[in-house]
Amino acid sequence: MTALLGLSRVIDSINERIGKVAAWAIVVAVLVSAINAIIRRIFGVSSNAWLELQWYLFGAVFMLCAAWTLKANEHIRIDIISNKLTKRGRDTIDLIGHLFFLFPFVALMLYLAFPYFIGSYRSGEVSSNAGGLLIWPAKGLILLGFISLGFQWVSELIKRVAIMNGQLVDEHDHVGAHAAAEAEAERLIAELADTTTTKGGEPPGDGIR
């Protein structure tokens, strides 16, 4: 398991770096959009290449940051259910989700995305819009995104098994941390109530003055 956890850390590090670099594409897309709008407004000139570049940049963020999002545990959860489960129950649901939902989805998308990209690359596919960009780089981003998501699936599966075996601390157990915070708050409120009662009630003694 030590070797597998080492592999998990490598995958996490690579996908996090890819995600952080890809996130800058949002800034580039905003700049491209702003420049394109200014040129169109001032000179009355527009370009399909600039418009498609914006789409490609947003697509790159969506695809290349997916694995980083999974690693950071930022996907949507139904807290109404999670809050009522034990830590073991939440871990079991995560494990089932990874094995029977995420893995089939990623495997299917890789199966479909590989020929989708290869066919486009070999034909040198270009946008049907006048002055448009090459299409195959965008399709390559789809394939690359699911490859990185597949590796992150391996990493998350390793970590979840290690957590369930007590070999790794779950740093993303927000539900457990929230429950602990609530319990501590209730304890402090009870102590404060006891202190207030003691100060406001009868003084200790046999009641003889």
N, C-alpha and C. Protein backbone atom coordinates (compact mmCIF):
# COMPACT_ATOMS: atom_id res chain seq x y z
N MET A 1 0.83 -1.21 0.00
CA MET A 1 0.00 0.00 0.00
C MET A 1 0.87 1.26 0.00
N THR A 2 2.05 1.18 0.58
CA THR A 2 2.95 2.35 0.59
C THR A 2 3.32 2.77 -0.82
N ALA A 3 3.63 1.78 -1.66
CA ALA A 3 3.97 2.09 -3.05
C ALA A 3 2.78 2.70 -3.78
N LEU A 4 1.58 2.16 -3.52
CA LEU A 4 0.38 2.69 -4.18
C LEU A 4 0.08 4.12 -3.73
N LEU A 5 0.29 4.40 -2.44
CA LEU A 5 0.09 5.76 -1.95
C LEU A 5 1.11 6.71 -2.56
N GLY A 6 2.32 6.20 -2.80
CA GLY A 6 3.32 7.02 -3.49
C GLY A 6 2.88 7.35 -4.90
N LEU A 7 2.32 6.34 -5.60
CA LEU A 7 1.78 6.57 -6.94
C LEU A 7 0.65 7.59 -6.90
N SER A 8 -0.20 7.48 -5.89
CA SER A 8 -1.31 8.42 -5.73
C SER A 8 -0.81 9.84 -5.56
N ARG A 9 0.24 10.03 -4.77
CA ARG A 9 0.78 11.37 -4.56
C ARG A 9 1.34 11.95 -5.86
N VAL A 10 1.97 11.09 -6.67
CA VAL A 10 2.52 11.55 -7.96
C VAL A 10 1.39 12.00 -8.88
N ILE A 11 0.35 11.19 -8.96
CA ILE A 11 -0.81 11.53 -9.81
C ILE A 11 -1.45 12.82 -9.33
N ASP A 12 -1.63 12.96 -8.02
CA ASP A 12 -2.23 14.18 -7.46
C ASP A 12 -1.41 15.40 -7.83
N SER A 13 -0.09 15.27 -7.69
CA SER A 13 0.79 16.41 -7.96
C SER A 13 0.73 16.82 -9.43
N ILE A 14 0.76 15.83 -10.33
CA ILE A 14 0.73 16.14 -11.76
C ILE A 14 -0.59 16.78 -12.15
N ASN A 15 -1.70 16.20 -11.71
CA ASN A 15 -3.01 16.74 -12.09
C ASN A 15 -3.26 18.11 -11.47
N GLU A 16 -2.75 18.33 -10.28
CA GLU A 16 -2.91 19.64 -9.66
C GLU A 16 -2.13 20.70 -10.44
N ARG A 17 -0.93 20.35 -10.88
CA ARG A 17 -0.13 21.31 -11.66
C ARG A 17 -0.78 21.58 -13.00
N ILE A 18 -1.28 20.52 -13.65
CA ILE A 18 -1.97 20.71 -14.93
C ILE A 18 -3.19 21.62 -14.74
N GLY A 19 -3.96 21.38 -13.68
CA GLY A 19 -5.14 22.19 -13.42
C GLY A 19 -4.80 23.65 -13.16
N LYS A 20 -3.76 23.89 -12.39
CA LYS A 20 -3.38 25.27 -12.07
C LYS A 20 -2.90 26.02 -13.31
N VAL A 21 -2.18 25.32 -14.18
CA VAL A 21 -1.74 25.95 -15.42
C VAL A 21 -2.94 26.20 -16.34
N ALA A 22 -3.81 25.20 -16.47
CA ALA A 22 -4.97 25.33 -17.35
C ALA A 22 -5.92 26.42 -16.87
N ALA A 23 -5.97 26.65 -15.57
CA ALA A 23 -6.87 27.67 -15.04
C ALA A 23 -6.53 29.07 -15.57
N TRP A 24 -5.27 29.28 -15.93
CA TRP A 24 -4.87 30.57 -16.49
C TRP A 24 -5.51 30.82 -17.85
N ALA A 25 -6.01 29.76 -18.48
CA ALA A 25 -6.68 29.94 -19.77
C ALA A 25 -7.92 30.81 -19.63
N ILE A 26 -8.49 30.87 -18.43
CA ILE A 26 -9.64 31.75 -18.20
C ILE A 26 -9.23 33.21 -18.39
N VAL A 27 -8.06 33.56 -17.85
CA VAL A 27 -7.56 34.93 -18.00
C VAL A 27 -7.31 35.24 -19.48
N VAL A 28 -6.68 34.29 -20.17
CA VAL A 28 -6.41 34.49 -21.59
C VAL A 28 -7.71 34.64 -22.37
N ALA A 29 -8.70 33.82 -22.03
CA ALA A 29 -9.99 33.88 -22.73
C ALA A 29 -10.66 35.24 -22.49
N VAL A 30 -10.57 35.77 -21.29
CA VAL A 30 -11.16 37.08 -20.99
C VAL A 30 -10.46 38.16 -21.80
N LEU A 31 -9.13 38.08 -21.88
CA LEU A 31 -8.38 39.07 -22.65
C LEU A 31 -8.72 38.99 -24.14
N VAL A 32 -8.78 37.78 -24.67
CA VAL A 32 -9.13 37.59 -26.07
C VAL A 32 -10.52 38.14 -26.35
N SER A 33 -11.46 37.85 -25.45
CA SER A 33 -12.83 38.33 -25.63
C SER A 33 -12.89 39.84 -25.60
N ALA A 34 -12.16 40.44 -24.66
CA ALA A 34 -12.17 41.90 -24.54
C ALA A 34 -11.54 42.56 -25.77
N ILE A 35 -10.40 42.04 -26.21
CA ILE A 35 -9.73 42.61 -27.38
C ILE A 35 -10.60 42.47 -28.62
N ASN A 36 -11.21 41.28 -28.77
CA ASN A 36 -12.07 41.05 -29.93
C ASN A 36 -13.26 42.01 -29.93
N ALA A 37 -13.83 42.26 -28.76
CA ALA A 37 -14.98 43.17 -28.66
C ALA A 37 -14.57 44.60 -28.98
N ILE A 38 -13.40 45.00 -28.49
CA ILE A 38 -12.92 46.36 -28.75
C ILE A 38 -12.66 46.58 -30.24
N ILE A 39 -11.98 45.61 -30.86
CA ILE A 39 -11.69 45.73 -32.30
C ILE A 39 -12.97 45.75 -33.11
N ARG A 40 -13.93 44.92 -32.74
CA ARG A 40 -15.19 44.89 -33.46
C ARG A 40 -15.95 46.20 -33.31
N ARG A 41 -15.87 46.79 -32.10
CA ARG A 41 -16.60 48.04 -31.84
C ARG A 41 -15.94 49.22 -32.56
N ILE A 42 -14.61 49.27 -32.53
CA ILE A 42 -13.90 50.43 -33.09
C ILE A 42 -13.76 50.33 -34.61
N PHE A 43 -13.32 49.14 -35.08
CA PHE A 43 -13.01 49.00 -36.50
C PHE A 43 -14.09 48.25 -37.29
N GLY A 44 -15.07 47.69 -36.58
CA GLY A 44 -16.12 46.96 -37.27
C GLY A 44 -15.62 45.67 -37.91
N VAL A 45 -14.57 45.11 -37.34
CA VAL A 45 -13.96 43.89 -37.89
C VAL A 45 -14.03 42.78 -36.84
N SER A 46 -14.36 41.60 -37.28
CA SER A 46 -14.42 40.46 -36.37
C SER A 46 -13.76 39.25 -37.03
N SER A 47 -13.49 38.24 -36.25
CA SER A 47 -12.81 37.06 -36.77
C SER A 47 -13.37 35.81 -36.11
N ASN A 48 -13.71 34.82 -36.93
CA ASN A 48 -14.17 33.55 -36.38
C ASN A 48 -13.07 32.85 -35.60
N ALA A 49 -11.84 33.06 -35.99
CA ALA A 49 -10.71 32.44 -35.29
C ALA A 49 -10.64 32.91 -33.84
N TRP A 50 -10.87 34.21 -33.62
CA TRP A 50 -10.84 34.75 -32.26
C TRP A 50 -11.99 34.17 -31.43
N LEU A 51 -13.16 34.08 -32.05
CA LEU A 51 -14.31 33.52 -31.34
C LEU A 51 -14.08 32.06 -30.98
N GLU A 52 -13.56 31.30 -31.92
CA GLU A 52 -13.32 29.88 -31.65
C GLU A 52 -12.20 29.69 -30.64
N LEU A 53 -11.23 30.60 -30.64
CA LEU A 53 -10.17 30.52 -29.65
C LEU A 53 -10.73 30.65 -28.24
N GLN A 54 -11.72 31.50 -28.07
CA GLN A 54 -12.37 31.63 -26.76
C GLN A 54 -13.02 30.31 -26.35
N TRP A 55 -13.70 29.68 -27.28
CA TRP A 55 -14.34 28.40 -26.98
C TRP A 55 -13.30 27.35 -26.60
N TYR A 56 -12.20 27.33 -27.33
CA TYR A 56 -11.15 26.34 -27.06
C TYR A 56 -10.55 26.56 -25.68
N LEU A 57 -10.35 27.81 -25.32
CA LEU A 57 -9.75 28.12 -24.02
C LEU A 57 -10.68 27.70 -22.87
N PHE A 58 -11.97 28.01 -23.01
CA PHE A 58 -12.92 27.59 -21.97
C PHE A 58 -13.03 26.07 -21.93
N GLY A 59 -12.98 25.43 -23.10
CA GLY A 59 -12.99 23.97 -23.14
C GLY A 59 -11.78 23.37 -22.46
N ALA A 60 -10.62 24.02 -22.65
CA ALA A 60 -9.39 23.53 -22.00
C ALA A 60 -9.50 23.60 -20.49
N VAL A 61 -10.09 24.68 -19.98
CA VAL A 61 -10.27 24.82 -18.53
C VAL A 61 -11.19 23.72 -18.02
N PHE A 62 -12.29 23.50 -18.71
CA PHE A 62 -13.28 22.51 -18.28
C PHE A 62 -12.68 21.11 -18.26
N MET A 63 -11.97 20.74 -19.30
CA MET A 63 -11.45 19.38 -19.42
C MET A 63 -10.21 19.15 -18.56
N LEU A 64 -9.28 20.09 -18.57
CA LEU A 64 -8.00 19.87 -17.90
C LEU A 64 -8.06 20.14 -16.40
N CYS A 65 -9.12 20.81 -15.94
CA CYS A 65 -9.26 21.05 -14.50
C CYS A 65 -10.18 20.04 -13.82
N ALA A 66 -10.77 19.12 -14.60
CA ALA A 66 -11.70 18.15 -14.03
C ALA A 66 -11.01 17.24 -13.01
N ALA A 67 -9.82 16.76 -13.35
CA ALA A 67 -9.10 15.87 -12.44
C ALA A 67 -8.67 16.61 -11.17
N TRP A 68 -8.25 17.85 -11.32
CA TRP A 68 -7.87 18.67 -10.16
C TRP A 68 -9.07 18.89 -9.25
N THR A 69 -10.24 19.13 -9.86
CA THR A 69 -11.47 19.30 -9.07
C THR A 69 -11.79 18.05 -8.27
N LEU A 70 -11.63 16.88 -8.91
CA LEU A 70 -11.87 15.62 -8.20
C LEU A 70 -10.87 15.44 -7.07
N LYS A 71 -9.63 15.77 -7.33
CA LYS A 71 -8.59 15.64 -6.30
C LYS A 71 -8.87 16.54 -5.10
N ALA A 72 -9.40 17.74 -5.37
CA ALA A 72 -9.71 18.70 -4.30
C ALA A 72 -11.05 18.43 -3.65
N ASN A 73 -11.77 17.39 -4.11
CA ASN A 73 -13.06 17.00 -3.55
C ASN A 73 -14.09 18.13 -3.65
N GLU A 74 -14.10 18.80 -4.80
CA GLU A 74 -14.99 19.93 -4.99
C GLU A 74 -16.23 19.57 -5.81
N HIS A 75 -16.42 18.28 -6.10
CA HIS A 75 -17.62 17.88 -6.82
C HIS A 75 -18.83 17.94 -5.88
N ILE A 76 -20.02 17.94 -6.46
CA ILE A 76 -21.25 18.14 -5.69
C ILE A 76 -21.58 16.91 -4.85
N ARG A 77 -21.97 17.15 -3.61
CA ARG A 77 -22.43 16.08 -2.73
C ARG A 77 -23.82 16.42 -2.21
N ILE A 78 -24.57 15.39 -1.83
CA ILE A 78 -25.88 15.60 -1.21
C ILE A 78 -25.67 15.54 0.30
N ASP A 79 -25.43 16.70 0.90
CA ASP A 79 -25.07 16.76 2.32
C ASP A 79 -26.20 16.29 3.22
N ILE A 80 -27.44 16.39 2.74
CA ILE A 80 -28.57 15.95 3.56
C ILE A 80 -28.43 14.47 3.91
N ILE A 81 -27.91 13.71 2.97
CA ILE A 81 -27.70 12.28 3.19
C ILE A 81 -26.38 12.04 3.92
N SER A 82 -25.32 12.71 3.46
CA SER A 82 -23.99 12.49 4.04
C SER A 82 -23.94 12.80 5.53
N ASN A 83 -24.65 13.85 5.93
CA ASN A 83 -24.62 14.25 7.34
C ASN A 83 -25.21 13.20 8.27
N LYS A 84 -26.06 12.33 7.74
CA LYS A 84 -26.73 11.33 8.56
C LYS A 84 -25.97 10.00 8.60
N LEU A 85 -24.87 9.93 7.85
CA LEU A 85 -24.12 8.68 7.77
C LEU A 85 -22.88 8.74 8.64
N THR A 86 -22.41 7.56 9.01
CA THR A 86 -21.14 7.47 9.73
C THR A 86 -20.00 7.68 8.73
N LYS A 87 -18.80 7.87 9.26
CA LYS A 87 -17.63 8.03 8.39
C LYS A 87 -17.47 6.80 7.51
N ARG A 88 -17.68 5.62 8.08
CA ARG A 88 -17.58 4.39 7.30
C ARG A 88 -18.62 4.37 6.18
N GLY A 89 -19.81 4.84 6.47
CA GLY A 89 -20.86 4.87 5.46
C GLY A 89 -20.51 5.81 4.32
N ARG A 90 -19.96 6.98 4.64
CA ARG A 90 -19.57 7.93 3.60
C ARG A 90 -18.45 7.37 2.75
N ASP A 91 -17.50 6.72 3.39
CA ASP A 91 -16.39 6.12 2.64
C ASP A 91 -16.89 5.01 1.71
N THR A 92 -17.85 4.23 2.19
CA THR A 92 -18.40 3.15 1.37
C THR A 92 -19.11 3.71 0.14
N ILE A 93 -19.87 4.78 0.34
CA ILE A 93 -20.56 5.42 -0.79
C ILE A 93 -19.56 5.95 -1.80
N ASP A 94 -18.49 6.57 -1.31
CA ASP A 94 -17.44 7.07 -2.21
C ASP A 94 -16.82 5.93 -3.01
N LEU A 95 -16.54 4.83 -2.33
CA LEU A 95 -15.92 3.69 -3.00
C LEU A 95 -16.85 3.12 -4.07
N ILE A 96 -18.12 2.96 -3.75
CA ILE A 96 -19.09 2.47 -4.72
C ILE A 96 -19.22 3.44 -5.89
N GLY A 97 -19.24 4.72 -5.59
CA GLY A 97 -19.35 5.73 -6.64
C GLY A 97 -18.17 5.69 -7.60
N HIS A 98 -16.98 5.52 -7.06
CA HIS A 98 -15.78 5.45 -7.89
C HIS A 98 -15.77 4.19 -8.76
N LEU A 99 -16.18 3.08 -8.19
CA LEU A 99 -16.10 1.81 -8.91
C LEU A 99 -17.21 1.63 -9.94
N PHE A 100 -18.42 2.01 -9.58
CA PHE A 100 -19.57 1.67 -10.43
C PHE A 100 -20.17 2.84 -11.20
N PHE A 101 -19.68 4.05 -10.95
CA PHE A 101 -20.20 5.20 -11.68
C PHE A 101 -19.08 5.96 -12.40
N LEU A 102 -18.07 6.39 -11.66
CA LEU A 102 -17.00 7.17 -12.29
C LEU A 102 -16.19 6.34 -13.27
N PHE A 103 -15.78 5.14 -12.86
CA PHE A 103 -14.94 4.32 -13.73
C PHE A 103 -15.64 3.97 -15.05
N PRO A 104 -16.90 3.47 -15.04
CA PRO A 104 -17.55 3.18 -16.32
C PRO A 104 -17.69 4.42 -17.21
N PHE A 105 -17.97 5.56 -16.59
CA PHE A 105 -18.11 6.80 -17.36
C PHE A 105 -16.80 7.18 -18.03
N VAL A 106 -15.71 7.18 -17.26
CA VAL A 106 -14.40 7.53 -17.82
C VAL A 106 -13.99 6.53 -18.89
N ALA A 107 -14.20 5.23 -18.63
CA ALA A 107 -13.82 4.20 -19.60
C ALA A 107 -14.60 4.38 -20.91
N LEU A 108 -15.89 4.67 -20.82
CA LEU A 108 -16.70 4.87 -22.01
C LEU A 108 -16.23 6.10 -22.79
N MET A 109 -15.96 7.18 -22.09
CA MET A 109 -15.53 8.40 -22.76
C MET A 109 -14.16 8.23 -23.41
N LEU A 110 -13.26 7.49 -22.79
CA LEU A 110 -11.97 7.22 -23.42
C LEU A 110 -12.14 6.36 -24.66
N TYR A 111 -13.03 5.39 -24.58
CA TYR A 111 -13.31 4.52 -25.73
C TYR A 111 -13.85 5.32 -26.91
N LEU A 112 -14.67 6.32 -26.63
CA LEU A 112 -15.25 7.13 -27.69
C LEU A 112 -14.32 8.26 -28.13
N ALA A 113 -13.58 8.83 -27.18
CA ALA A 113 -12.77 10.02 -27.49
C ALA A 113 -11.53 9.69 -28.31
N PHE A 114 -10.97 8.49 -28.13
CA PHE A 114 -9.72 8.16 -28.85
C PHE A 114 -9.93 8.15 -30.36
N PRO A 115 -10.87 7.37 -30.90
CA PRO A 115 -11.09 7.42 -32.36
C PRO A 115 -11.62 8.78 -32.82
N TYR A 116 -12.35 9.45 -31.97
CA TYR A 116 -12.88 10.78 -32.29
C TYR A 116 -11.73 11.75 -32.56
N PHE A 117 -10.68 11.69 -31.74
CA PHE A 117 -9.51 12.55 -31.92
C PHE A 117 -8.64 12.08 -33.08
N ILE A 118 -8.37 10.78 -33.14
CA ILE A 118 -7.49 10.25 -34.18
C ILE A 118 -8.03 10.54 -35.57
N GLY A 119 -9.33 10.33 -35.76
CA GLY A 119 -9.94 10.60 -37.06
C GLY A 119 -9.81 12.06 -37.45
N SER A 120 -10.01 12.95 -36.48
CA SER A 120 -9.90 14.37 -36.75
C SER A 120 -8.46 14.77 -37.05
N TYR A 121 -7.51 14.19 -36.32
CA TYR A 121 -6.09 14.52 -36.51
C TYR A 121 -5.59 14.06 -37.88
N ARG A 122 -5.94 12.84 -38.25
CA ARG A 122 -5.47 12.30 -39.52
C ARG A 122 -6.04 13.05 -40.71
N SER A 123 -7.25 13.54 -40.58
CA SER A 123 -7.87 14.26 -41.69
C SER A 123 -7.52 15.74 -41.70
N GLY A 124 -6.84 16.19 -40.64
CA GLY A 124 -6.51 17.61 -40.55
C GLY A 124 -7.76 18.47 -40.48
N GLU A 125 -8.75 18.02 -39.72
CA GLU A 125 -10.06 18.67 -39.68
C GLU A 125 -9.95 20.15 -39.29
N VAL A 126 -10.63 20.97 -40.05
CA VAL A 126 -10.65 22.42 -39.82
C VAL A 126 -12.10 22.86 -39.62
N SER A 127 -12.27 23.93 -38.89
CA SER A 127 -13.61 24.47 -38.66
C SER A 127 -14.31 24.79 -39.98
N SER A 128 -15.60 24.58 -39.99
CA SER A 128 -16.39 24.89 -41.19
C SER A 128 -16.65 26.39 -41.33
N ASN A 129 -16.35 27.16 -40.27
CA ASN A 129 -16.52 28.61 -40.34
C ASN A 129 -15.36 29.25 -41.10
N ALA A 130 -15.64 30.29 -41.83
CA ALA A 130 -14.60 30.97 -42.60
C ALA A 130 -13.54 31.54 -41.66
N GLY A 131 -12.29 31.19 -41.94
CA GLY A 131 -11.19 31.67 -41.10
C GLY A 131 -11.11 30.98 -39.76
N GLY A 132 -11.79 29.85 -39.62
CA GLY A 132 -11.81 29.13 -38.35
C GLY A 132 -10.50 28.39 -38.08
N LEU A 133 -10.42 27.81 -36.89
CA LEU A 133 -9.21 27.12 -36.45
C LEU A 133 -9.28 25.62 -36.75
N LEU A 134 -8.16 24.95 -36.53
CA LEU A 134 -8.12 23.50 -36.59
C LEU A 134 -9.02 22.92 -35.50
N ILE A 135 -9.66 21.80 -35.81
CA ILE A 135 -10.58 21.18 -34.86
C ILE A 135 -9.90 20.14 -33.98
N TRP A 136 -8.91 19.44 -34.54
CA TRP A 136 -8.35 18.30 -33.80
C TRP A 136 -7.69 18.68 -32.47
N PRO A 137 -7.08 19.88 -32.31
CA PRO A 137 -6.54 20.20 -30.98
C PRO A 137 -7.63 20.24 -29.90
N ALA A 138 -8.81 20.76 -30.28
CA ALA A 138 -9.91 20.81 -29.31
C ALA A 138 -10.38 19.40 -28.95
N LYS A 139 -10.45 18.51 -29.94
CA LYS A 139 -10.83 17.13 -29.67
C LYS A 139 -9.75 16.41 -28.87
N GLY A 140 -8.51 16.83 -29.08
CA GLY A 140 -7.42 16.26 -28.29
C GLY A 140 -7.53 16.63 -26.82
N LEU A 141 -8.06 17.83 -26.55
CA LEU A 141 -8.26 18.24 -25.16
C LEU A 141 -9.28 17.35 -24.46
N ILE A 142 -10.29 16.91 -25.21
CA ILE A 142 -11.28 16.00 -24.64
C ILE A 142 -10.62 14.70 -24.21
N LEU A 143 -9.80 14.15 -25.10
CA LEU A 143 -9.10 12.90 -24.79
C LEU A 143 -8.14 13.09 -23.62
N LEU A 144 -7.36 14.18 -23.65
CA LEU A 144 -6.40 14.42 -22.58
C LEU A 144 -7.10 14.63 -21.24
N GLY A 145 -8.24 15.32 -21.27
CA GLY A 145 -8.98 15.55 -20.04
C GLY A 145 -9.45 14.26 -19.39
N PHE A 146 -9.94 13.33 -20.19
CA PHE A 146 -10.43 12.07 -19.63
C PHE A 146 -9.28 11.13 -19.25
N ILE A 147 -8.14 11.26 -19.91
CA ILE A 147 -6.97 10.49 -19.49
C ILE A 147 -6.54 10.93 -18.09
N SER A 148 -6.44 12.24 -17.88
CA SER A 148 -6.05 12.75 -16.56
C SER A 148 -7.10 12.41 -15.51
N LEU A 149 -8.38 12.44 -15.90
CA LEU A 149 -9.44 12.07 -14.96
C LEU A 149 -9.37 10.59 -14.62
N GLY A 150 -9.00 9.77 -15.60
CA GLY A 150 -8.84 8.34 -15.34
C GLY A 150 -7.72 8.06 -14.35
N PHE A 151 -6.60 8.76 -14.50
CA PHE A 151 -5.50 8.60 -13.55
C PHE A 151 -5.91 9.09 -12.16
N GLN A 152 -6.68 10.17 -12.12
CA GLN A 152 -7.12 10.67 -10.82
C GLN A 152 -8.09 9.69 -10.17
N TRP A 153 -8.86 9.00 -10.98
CA TRP A 153 -9.74 7.95 -10.44
C TRP A 153 -8.91 6.89 -9.72
N VAL A 154 -7.80 6.49 -10.33
CA VAL A 154 -6.90 5.50 -9.71
C VAL A 154 -6.40 6.04 -8.37
N SER A 155 -5.98 7.30 -8.36
CA SER A 155 -5.47 7.92 -7.13
C SER A 155 -6.54 7.97 -6.05
N GLU A 156 -7.75 8.38 -6.40
CA GLU A 156 -8.82 8.49 -5.42
C GLU A 156 -9.22 7.12 -4.87
N LEU A 157 -9.18 6.11 -5.72
CA LEU A 157 -9.51 4.76 -5.27
C LEU A 157 -8.48 4.26 -4.27
N ILE A 158 -7.21 4.51 -4.56
CA ILE A 158 -6.14 4.12 -3.64
C ILE A 158 -6.31 4.81 -2.29
N LYS A 159 -6.55 6.11 -2.33
CA LYS A 159 -6.68 6.87 -1.08
C LYS A 159 -7.90 6.44 -0.28
N ARG A 160 -9.01 6.14 -0.98
CA ARG A 160 -10.22 5.76 -0.26
C ARG A 160 -10.03 4.42 0.45
N VAL A 161 -9.38 3.47 -0.21
CA VAL A 161 -9.11 2.18 0.43
C VAL A 161 -8.18 2.37 1.63
N ALA A 162 -7.15 3.21 1.46
CA ALA A 162 -6.22 3.46 2.55
C ALA A 162 -6.91 4.14 3.73
N ILE A 163 -7.84 5.05 3.45
CA ILE A 163 -8.60 5.73 4.51
C ILE A 163 -9.47 4.73 5.27
N MET A 164 -10.12 3.85 4.54
CA MET A 164 -10.99 2.86 5.17
C MET A 164 -10.21 1.85 5.99
N ASN A 165 -8.93 1.63 5.64
CA ASN A 165 -8.08 0.72 6.39
C ASN A 165 -7.32 1.42 7.52
N GLY A 166 -7.55 2.73 7.67
CA GLY A 166 -6.88 3.47 8.74
C GLY A 166 -5.44 3.80 8.43
N GLN A 167 -5.04 3.73 7.16
CA GLN A 167 -3.66 4.01 6.79
C GLN A 167 -3.46 5.43 6.30
N LEU A 168 -4.54 6.18 6.20
CA LEU A 168 -4.46 7.55 5.69
C LEU A 168 -5.58 8.37 6.32
N VAL A 169 -5.26 9.61 6.66
CA VAL A 169 -6.25 10.52 7.23
C VAL A 169 -6.99 11.20 6.10
N ASP A 170 -8.31 11.26 6.22
CA ASP A 170 -9.13 11.89 5.20
C ASP A 170 -9.15 13.40 5.43
N GLU A 171 -8.37 14.12 4.63
CA GLU A 171 -8.26 15.57 4.81
C GLU A 171 -9.48 16.32 4.27
N HIS A 172 -10.35 15.61 3.56
CA HIS A 172 -11.52 16.24 2.98
C HIS A 172 -12.82 15.84 3.68
N ASP A 173 -12.72 15.30 4.89
CA ASP A 173 -13.91 14.87 5.60
C ASP A 173 -14.57 16.08 6.25
N HIS A 174 -15.21 16.92 5.40
CA HIS A 174 -15.84 18.14 5.90
C HIS A 174 -17.02 17.83 6.80
N VAL A 175 -17.74 16.73 6.49
CA VAL A 175 -18.91 16.38 7.30
C VAL A 175 -18.48 16.04 8.72
N GLY A 176 -17.40 15.26 8.84
CA GLY A 176 -16.91 14.89 10.15
C GLY A 176 -16.42 16.10 10.93
N ALA A 177 -15.73 17.00 10.23
CA ALA A 177 -15.23 18.21 10.88
C ALA A 177 -16.39 19.10 11.31
N HIS A 178 -17.42 19.17 10.49
CA HIS A 178 -18.60 19.98 10.84
C HIS A 178 -19.30 19.41 12.07
N ALA A 179 -19.43 18.07 12.11
CA ALA A 179 -20.08 17.44 13.25
C ALA A 179 -19.27 17.68 14.52
N ALA A 180 -17.94 17.59 14.41
CA ALA A 180 -17.09 17.83 15.57
C ALA A 180 -17.22 19.26 16.06
N ALA A 181 -17.30 20.20 15.12
CA ALA A 181 -17.44 21.61 15.49
C ALA A 181 -18.78 21.85 16.19
N GLU A 182 -19.83 21.21 15.69
CA GLU A 182 -21.14 21.36 16.33
C GLU A 182 -21.14 20.78 17.74
N ALA A 183 -20.49 19.63 17.91
CA ALA A 183 -20.42 19.01 19.23
C ALA A 183 -19.66 19.90 20.21
N GLU A 184 -18.57 20.52 19.73
CA GLU A 184 -17.78 21.40 20.59
C GLU A 184 -18.59 22.64 20.94
N ALA A 185 -19.35 23.17 19.97
CA ALA A 185 -20.18 24.35 20.24
C ALA A 185 -21.25 24.02 21.29
N GLU A 186 -21.88 22.85 21.17
CA GLU A 186 -22.89 22.44 22.14
C GLU A 186 -22.29 22.29 23.54
N ARG A 187 -21.06 21.76 23.60
CA ARG A 187 -20.39 21.59 24.90
C ARG A 187 -20.12 22.94 25.53
N LEU A 188 -19.65 23.91 24.74
CA LEU A 188 -19.36 25.24 25.27
C LEU A 188 -20.63 25.94 25.73
N ILE A 189 -21.73 25.77 24.98
CA ILE A 189 -23.00 26.36 25.37
C ILE A 189 -23.49 25.77 26.69
N ALA A 190 -23.34 24.44 26.84
CA ALA A 190 -23.75 23.78 28.08
C ALA A 190 -22.93 24.28 29.27
N GLU A 191 -21.61 24.43 29.06
CA GLU A 191 -20.76 24.93 30.13
C GLU A 191 -21.15 26.36 30.51
N LEU A 192 -21.45 27.17 29.50
CA LEU A 192 -21.84 28.56 29.77
C LEU A 192 -23.16 28.61 30.53
N ALA A 193 -24.09 27.72 30.16
CA ALA A 193 -25.37 27.67 30.87
C ALA A 193 -25.18 27.25 32.32
N ASP A 194 -24.31 26.26 32.55
CA ASP A 194 -24.04 25.82 33.93
C ASP A 194 -23.42 26.95 34.75
N THR A 195 -22.50 27.67 34.13
CA THR A 195 -21.82 28.77 34.84
C THR A 195 -22.82 29.87 35.19
N THR A 196 -23.73 30.18 34.25
CA THR A 196 -24.74 31.21 34.49
C THR A 196 -25.69 30.80 35.60
N THR A 197 -26.08 29.53 35.62
CA THR A 197 -26.99 29.02 36.65
C THR A 197 -26.33 29.08 38.02
N THR A 198 -25.05 28.73 38.08
CA THR A 198 -24.33 28.74 39.37
C THR A 198 -24.22 30.15 39.92
N LYS A 199 -23.94 31.10 39.00
CA LYS A 199 -23.78 32.48 39.46
C LYS A 199 -25.12 33.11 39.83
N GLY A 200 -26.18 32.75 39.14
CA GLY A 200 -27.48 33.38 39.38
C GLY A 200 -28.32 32.67 40.42
N GLY A 201 -27.95 31.45 40.83
CA GLY A 201 -28.73 30.67 41.78
C GLY A 201 -28.32 30.96 43.21
N GLU A 202 -28.77 30.08 44.14
CA GLU A 202 -28.44 30.25 45.56
C GLU A 202 -26.96 29.96 45.76
N PRO A 203 -26.31 30.68 46.64
CA PRO A 203 -24.90 30.42 46.92
C PRO A 203 -24.76 29.08 47.64
N PRO A 204 -23.63 28.43 47.46
CA PRO A 204 -23.44 27.14 48.12
C PRO A 204 -23.47 27.30 49.63
N GLY A 205 -23.91 26.31 50.37
CA GLY A 205 -23.97 26.35 51.82
C GLY A 205 -25.23 25.68 52.31
N ASP A 206 -25.52 25.78 53.64
CA ASP A 206 -26.71 25.12 54.20
C ASP A 206 -27.92 26.05 54.25
N GLY A 207 -27.76 27.29 53.67
CA GLY A 207 -28.90 28.20 53.61
C GLY A 207 -29.09 29.02 54.86
N ILE A 208 -28.25 28.85 55.96
CA ILE A 208 -28.35 29.63 57.20
C ILE A 208 -27.59 30.93 57.04
N ARG A 209 -28.20 32.04 57.34
CA ARG A 209 -27.55 33.34 57.20
C ARG A 209 -27.30 33.93 58.57
